Amino acid sequence: MTMRYLHTMIRVHDLDASLDFFCNKLGMVETRRKENEQGRFTLVFLAALKDVERANSENTSEIELTYNWDTREYVGGDNFGHLAFKVDNIHDTCQQLMDAGVTILRPPREGRMAFVKSPDGISIELLQEGDALTPCEPWLSMENTGSW
C-alpha cells in the first residue's frame, strides 16, 4: 500500500481571524477555496510558501481550514478534524486495513473516500488517487460505523 500525505483539517470559528493568523502572521498562502452552500461550509486550503514554490499545489501538503457557516463553539479539541492521505487503490487499501484488524468507519462506497481511526482516535481520511474506482462489494452495502 502506498500513500501520499495530503492535509490536516481543523475547524475554525472565525475564518478571517484564522486566515490572518495562518497567512499574515505565519506566512502561509491560500492554495484553493471551496464554498458549499448546501452543506453551509467553506474550505480553505493553505500551504507553506516554500512548499508552494518547490512544487505545484497538487504535490504540497496543506492545512484545510473548515468554516461551518452556522456558528458554533468548539470545545475540548473537537476543532481538529482529520489527517488525509491519497492512496493508489482505495478498495485494496481498505481491504488490507480490514485484514489487519482496522475497522473501516466510512467505507469507500463510491470508490473515492473512506475513513478509519488510529488507535488513539485520530480520524484518517483515505482518498483515491485520480478518478474514483468503480463501486463494488463489499463496500457498496457496508454501513458506516461509529464516527470519524
C-alpha atoms as a PDB file:
ATOM      1  CA  MET A   1       0.000   0.000   0.000  1.00  0.00           C
ATOM      2  CA  THR A   2       1.415   3.404  -0.948  1.00  0.00           C
ATOM      3  CA  MET A   3       0.115   6.710   0.320  1.00  0.00           C
ATOM      4  CA  ARG A   4       0.846  10.408  -0.062  1.00  0.00           C
ATOM      5  CA  TYR A   5       0.137  12.827   2.805  1.00  0.00           C
ATOM      6  CA  LEU A   6      -2.387  15.495   1.773  1.00  0.00           C
ATOM      7  CA  HIS A   7      -3.671  17.661   4.592  1.00  0.00           C
ATOM      8  CA  THR A   8      -4.728  18.140   8.183  1.00  0.00           C
ATOM      9  CA  MET A   9      -8.220  19.550   8.697  1.00  0.00           C
ATOM     10  CA  ILE A  10      -9.153  21.892  11.529  1.00  0.00           C
ATOM     11  CA  ARG A  11     -12.487  23.614  12.133  1.00  0.00           C
ATOM     12  CA  VAL A  12     -12.341  27.357  12.699  1.00  0.00           C
ATOM     13  CA  HIS A  13     -14.821  29.657  14.398  1.00  0.00           C
ATOM     14  CA  ASP A  14     -13.700  32.896  12.717  1.00  0.00           C
ATOM     15  CA  LEU A  15     -12.376  32.370   9.194  1.00  0.00           C
ATOM     16  CA  ASP A  16     -10.987  35.906   8.845  1.00  0.00           C
ATOM     17  CA  ALA A  17      -9.070  35.694  12.134  1.00  0.00           C
ATOM     18  CA  SER A  18      -7.729  32.259  11.193  1.00  0.00           C
ATOM     19  CA  LEU A  19      -6.615  33.462   7.751  1.00  0.00           C
ATOM     20  CA  ASP A  20      -4.932  36.459   9.366  1.00  0.00           C
ATOM     21  CA  PHE A  21      -3.057  34.136  11.722  1.00  0.00           C
ATOM     22  CA  PHE A  22      -2.016  31.489   9.202  1.00  0.00           C
ATOM     23  CA  CYS A  23      -1.363  33.791   6.221  1.00  0.00           C
ATOM     24  CA  ASN A  24      -0.363  37.189   7.592  1.00  0.00           C
ATOM     25  CA  LYS A  25       1.417  36.021  10.716  1.00  0.00           C
ATOM     26  CA  LEU A  26       2.769  32.556   9.794  1.00  0.00           C
ATOM     27  CA  GLY A  27       3.298  33.357   6.116  1.00  0.00           C
ATOM     28  CA  MET A  28       1.225  30.534   4.638  1.00  0.00           C
ATOM     29  CA  VAL A  29      -0.573  31.053   1.325  1.00  0.00           C
ATOM     30  CA  GLU A  30      -4.076  30.130   0.243  1.00  0.00           C
ATOM     31  CA  THR A  31      -3.874  27.473  -2.460  1.00  0.00           C
ATOM     32  CA  ARG A  32      -7.608  26.957  -3.080  1.00  0.00           C
ATOM     33  CA  ARG A  33     -11.049  27.553  -1.646  1.00  0.00           C
ATOM     34  CA  LYS A  34     -14.367  25.704  -1.883  1.00  0.00           C
ATOM     35  CA  GLU A  35     -17.738  27.173  -0.905  1.00  0.00           C
ATOM     36  CA  ASN A  36     -20.574  24.713  -0.306  1.00  0.00           C
ATOM     37  CA  GLU A  37     -23.932  26.464   0.063  1.00  0.00           C
ATOM     38  CA  GLN A  38     -25.895  23.232   0.508  1.00  0.00           C
ATOM     39  CA  GLY A  39     -23.605  21.983   3.284  1.00  0.00           C
ATOM     40  CA  ARG A  40     -23.201  25.540   4.636  1.00  0.00           C
ATOM     41  CA  PHE A  41     -19.416  25.477   4.915  1.00  0.00           C
ATOM     42  CA  THR A  42     -16.253  26.911   3.378  1.00  0.00           C
ATOM     43  CA  LEU A  43     -12.989  25.010   2.959  1.00  0.00           C
ATOM     44  CA  VAL A  44      -9.766  26.996   2.622  1.00  0.00           C
ATOM     45  CA  PHE A  45      -6.535  25.153   1.887  1.00  0.00           C
ATOM     46  CA  LEU A  46      -3.227  26.701   2.979  1.00  0.00           C
ATOM     47  CA  ALA A  47       0.385  25.709   2.343  1.00  0.00           C
ATOM     48  CA  ALA A  48       3.772  26.947   3.424  1.00  0.00           C
ATOM     49  CA  LEU A  49       5.218  29.365   0.869  1.00  0.00           C
ATOM     50  CA  LYS A  50       8.427  27.333   0.404  1.00  0.00           C
ATOM     51  CA  ASP A  51       6.384  24.206  -0.318  1.00  0.00           C
ATOM     52  CA  VAL A  52       4.336  26.055  -2.935  1.00  0.00           C
ATOM     53  CA  GLU A  53       7.493  27.476  -4.531  1.00  0.00           C
ATOM     54  CA  ARG A  54       9.046  23.978  -4.800  1.00  0.00           C
ATOM     55  CA  ALA A  55       6.026  22.160  -6.233  1.00  0.00           C
ATOM     56  CA  ASN A  56       2.560  22.755  -7.584  1.00  0.00           C
ATOM     57  CA  SER A  57      -0.339  22.659  -5.117  1.00  0.00           C
ATOM     58  CA  GLU A  58      -1.168  19.058  -6.121  1.00  0.00           C
ATOM     59  CA  ASN A  59       2.094  17.951  -4.516  1.00  0.00           C
ATOM     60  CA  THR A  60       2.025  20.224  -1.491  1.00  0.00           C
ATOM     61  CA  SER A  61       0.898  19.195   1.987  1.00  0.00           C
ATOM     62  CA  GLU A  62      -1.737  21.562   3.287  1.00  0.00           C
ATOM     63  CA  ILE A  63      -3.833  22.686   6.220  1.00  0.00           C
ATOM     64  CA  GLU A  64      -7.565  22.619   5.491  1.00  0.00           C
ATOM     65  CA  LEU A  65      -9.496  25.266   7.408  1.00  0.00           C
ATOM     66  CA  THR A  66     -13.143  24.248   7.652  1.00  0.00           C
ATOM     67  CA  TYR A  67     -15.516  27.094   8.455  1.00  0.00           C
ATOM     68  CA  ASN A  68     -19.073  25.993   9.243  1.00  0.00           C
ATOM     69  CA  TRP A  69     -21.397  28.909   8.479  1.00  0.00           C
ATOM     70  CA  ASP A  70     -23.785  28.128  11.310  1.00  0.00           C
ATOM     71  CA  THR A  71     -21.686  29.429  14.169  1.00  0.00           C
ATOM     72  CA  ARG A  72     -20.905  27.001  16.945  1.00  0.00           C
ATOM     73  CA  GLU A  73     -18.272  26.901  19.628  1.00  0.00           C
ATOM     74  CA  TYR A  74     -15.698  24.120  19.592  1.00  0.00           C
ATOM     75  CA  VAL A  75     -14.595  22.702  22.918  1.00  0.00           C
ATOM     76  CA  GLY A  76     -12.114  20.114  24.120  1.00  0.00           C
ATOM     77  CA  GLY A  77     -10.248  19.833  20.825  1.00  0.00           C
ATOM     78  CA  ASP A  78     -13.272  18.997  18.662  1.00  0.00           C
ATOM     79  CA  ASN A  79     -11.995  21.605  16.206  1.00  0.00           C
ATOM     80  CA  PHE A  80      -9.420  19.058  14.987  1.00  0.00           C
ATOM     81  CA  GLY A  81     -10.818  17.149  12.043  1.00  0.00           C
ATOM     82  CA  HIS A  82      -8.612  14.572  10.337  1.00  0.00           C
ATOM     83  CA  LEU A  83      -5.396  13.711   8.538  1.00  0.00           C
ATOM     84  CA  ALA A  84      -5.775  12.928   4.826  1.00  0.00           C
ATOM     85  CA  PHE A  85      -3.796  10.613   2.544  1.00  0.00           C
ATOM     86  CA  LYS A  86      -4.130   9.749  -1.154  1.00  0.00           C
ATOM     87  CA  VAL A  87      -3.883   6.046  -1.963  1.00  0.00           C
ATOM     88  CA  ASP A  88      -3.265   4.189  -5.211  1.00  0.00           C
ATOM     89  CA  ASN A  89      -6.302   1.915  -4.828  1.00  0.00           C
ATOM     90  CA  ILE A  90      -8.925   2.736  -2.190  1.00  0.00           C
ATOM     91  CA  HIS A  91     -10.529  -0.736  -2.389  1.00  0.00           C
ATOM     92  CA  ASP A  92      -7.254  -2.624  -1.928  1.00  0.00           C
ATOM     93  CA  THR A  93      -6.118  -0.256   0.819  1.00  0.00           C
ATOM     94  CA  CYS A  94      -9.347  -0.702   2.789  1.00  0.00           C
ATOM     95  CA  GLN A  95      -9.199  -4.474   2.358  1.00  0.00           C
ATOM     96  CA  GLN A  96      -5.588  -4.569   3.596  1.00  0.00           C
ATOM     97  CA  LEU A  97      -6.577  -2.448   6.597  1.00  0.00           C
ATOM     98  CA  MET A  98      -9.582  -4.673   7.370  1.00  0.00           C
ATOM     99  CA  ASP A  99      -7.427  -7.779   7.065  1.00  0.00           C
ATOM    100  CA  ALA A 100      -5.060  -6.180   9.600  1.00  0.00           C
ATOM    101  CA  GLY A 101      -7.933  -5.630  12.053  1.00  0.00           C
ATOM    102  CA  VAL A 102      -8.696  -1.977  11.302  1.00  0.00           C
ATOM    103  CA  THR A 103     -12.386  -1.018  11.301  1.00  0.00           C
ATOM    104  CA  ILE A 104     -13.486   0.857   8.181  1.00  0.00           C
ATOM    105  CA  LEU A 105     -15.694   3.548   9.719  1.00  0.00           C
ATOM    106  CA  ARG A 106     -16.824   5.092   6.462  1.00  0.00           C
ATOM    107  CA  PRO A 107     -16.407   2.615   3.587  1.00  0.00           C
ATOM    108  CA  PRO A 108     -15.496   3.710   0.027  1.00  0.00           C
ATOM    109  CA  ARG A 109     -18.988   3.094  -1.371  1.00  0.00           C
ATOM    110  CA  GLU A 110     -18.453   5.463  -4.294  1.00  0.00           C
ATOM    111  CA  GLY A 111     -14.876   4.274  -4.885  1.00  0.00           C
ATOM    112  CA  ARG A 112     -13.315   7.535  -3.770  1.00  0.00           C
ATOM    113  CA  MET A 113     -13.211   8.135   0.011  1.00  0.00           C
ATOM    114  CA  ALA A 114     -13.005   6.182   3.267  1.00  0.00           C
ATOM    115  CA  PHE A 115     -12.337   6.938   6.933  1.00  0.00           C
ATOM    116  CA  VAL A 116     -10.562   4.935   9.631  1.00  0.00           C
ATOM    117  CA  LYS A 117      -9.197   5.901  13.065  1.00  0.00           C
ATOM    118  CA  SER A 118      -5.803   5.441  14.660  1.00  0.00           C
ATOM    119  CA  PRO A 119      -5.574   3.562  17.984  1.00  0.00           C
ATOM    120  CA  ASP A 120      -5.656   6.994  19.671  1.00  0.00           C
ATOM    121  CA  GLY A 121      -8.869   8.007  17.915  1.00  0.00           C
ATOM    122  CA  ILE A 122      -7.356  10.261  15.240  1.00  0.00           C
ATOM    123  CA  SER A 123      -9.522  10.292  12.101  1.00  0.00           C
ATOM    124  CA  ILE A 124      -7.723   9.348   8.898  1.00  0.00           C
ATOM    125  CA  GLU A 125      -9.304  10.172   5.541  1.00  0.00           C
ATOM    126  CA  LEU A 126      -8.226   7.992   2.618  1.00  0.00           C
ATOM    127  CA  LEU A 127      -8.806   9.418  -0.871  1.00  0.00           C
ATOM    128  CA  GLN A 128      -8.462   7.606  -4.185  1.00  0.00           C
ATOM    129  CA  GLU A 129      -5.657   8.942  -6.391  1.00  0.00           C
ATOM    130  CA  GLY A 130      -7.159  10.118  -9.700  1.00  0.00           C
ATOM    131  CA  ASP A 131     -10.688   9.152 -10.695  1.00  0.00           C
ATOM    132  CA  ALA A 132     -12.996   7.223  -8.395  1.00  0.00           C
ATOM    133  CA  LEU A 133     -12.887   3.449  -8.764  1.00  0.00           C
ATOM    134  CA  THR A 134     -15.965   1.579  -9.941  1.00  0.00           C
ATOM    135  CA  PRO A 135     -18.199   0.972  -6.894  1.00  0.00           C
ATOM    136  CA  CYS A 136     -18.215  -2.678  -5.801  1.00  0.00           C
ATOM    137  CA  GLU A 137     -18.902  -5.027  -2.904  1.00  0.00           C
ATOM    138  CA  PRO A 138     -18.286  -5.344  -0.045  1.00  0.00           C
ATOM    139  CA  TRP A 139     -18.084  -1.555   0.081  1.00  0.00           C
ATOM    140  CA  LEU A 140     -21.395  -0.787  -1.645  1.00  0.00           C
ATOM    141  CA  SER A 141     -23.533  -2.410   1.034  1.00  0.00           C
ATOM    142  CA  MET A 142     -21.262  -1.751   4.034  1.00  0.00           C
ATOM    143  CA  GLU A 143     -22.768   0.588   6.620  1.00  0.00           C
ATOM    144  CA  ASN A 144     -20.945   3.413   8.378  1.00  0.00           C
ATOM    145  CA  THR A 145     -19.594   2.516  11.813  1.00  0.00           C
ATOM    146  CA  GLY A 146     -19.097   4.935  14.700  1.00  0.00           C
ATOM    147  CA  SER A 147     -17.865   8.428  13.980  1.00  0.00           C
ATOM    148  CA  TRP A 148     -14.960   9.839  12.068  1.00  0.00           C
END
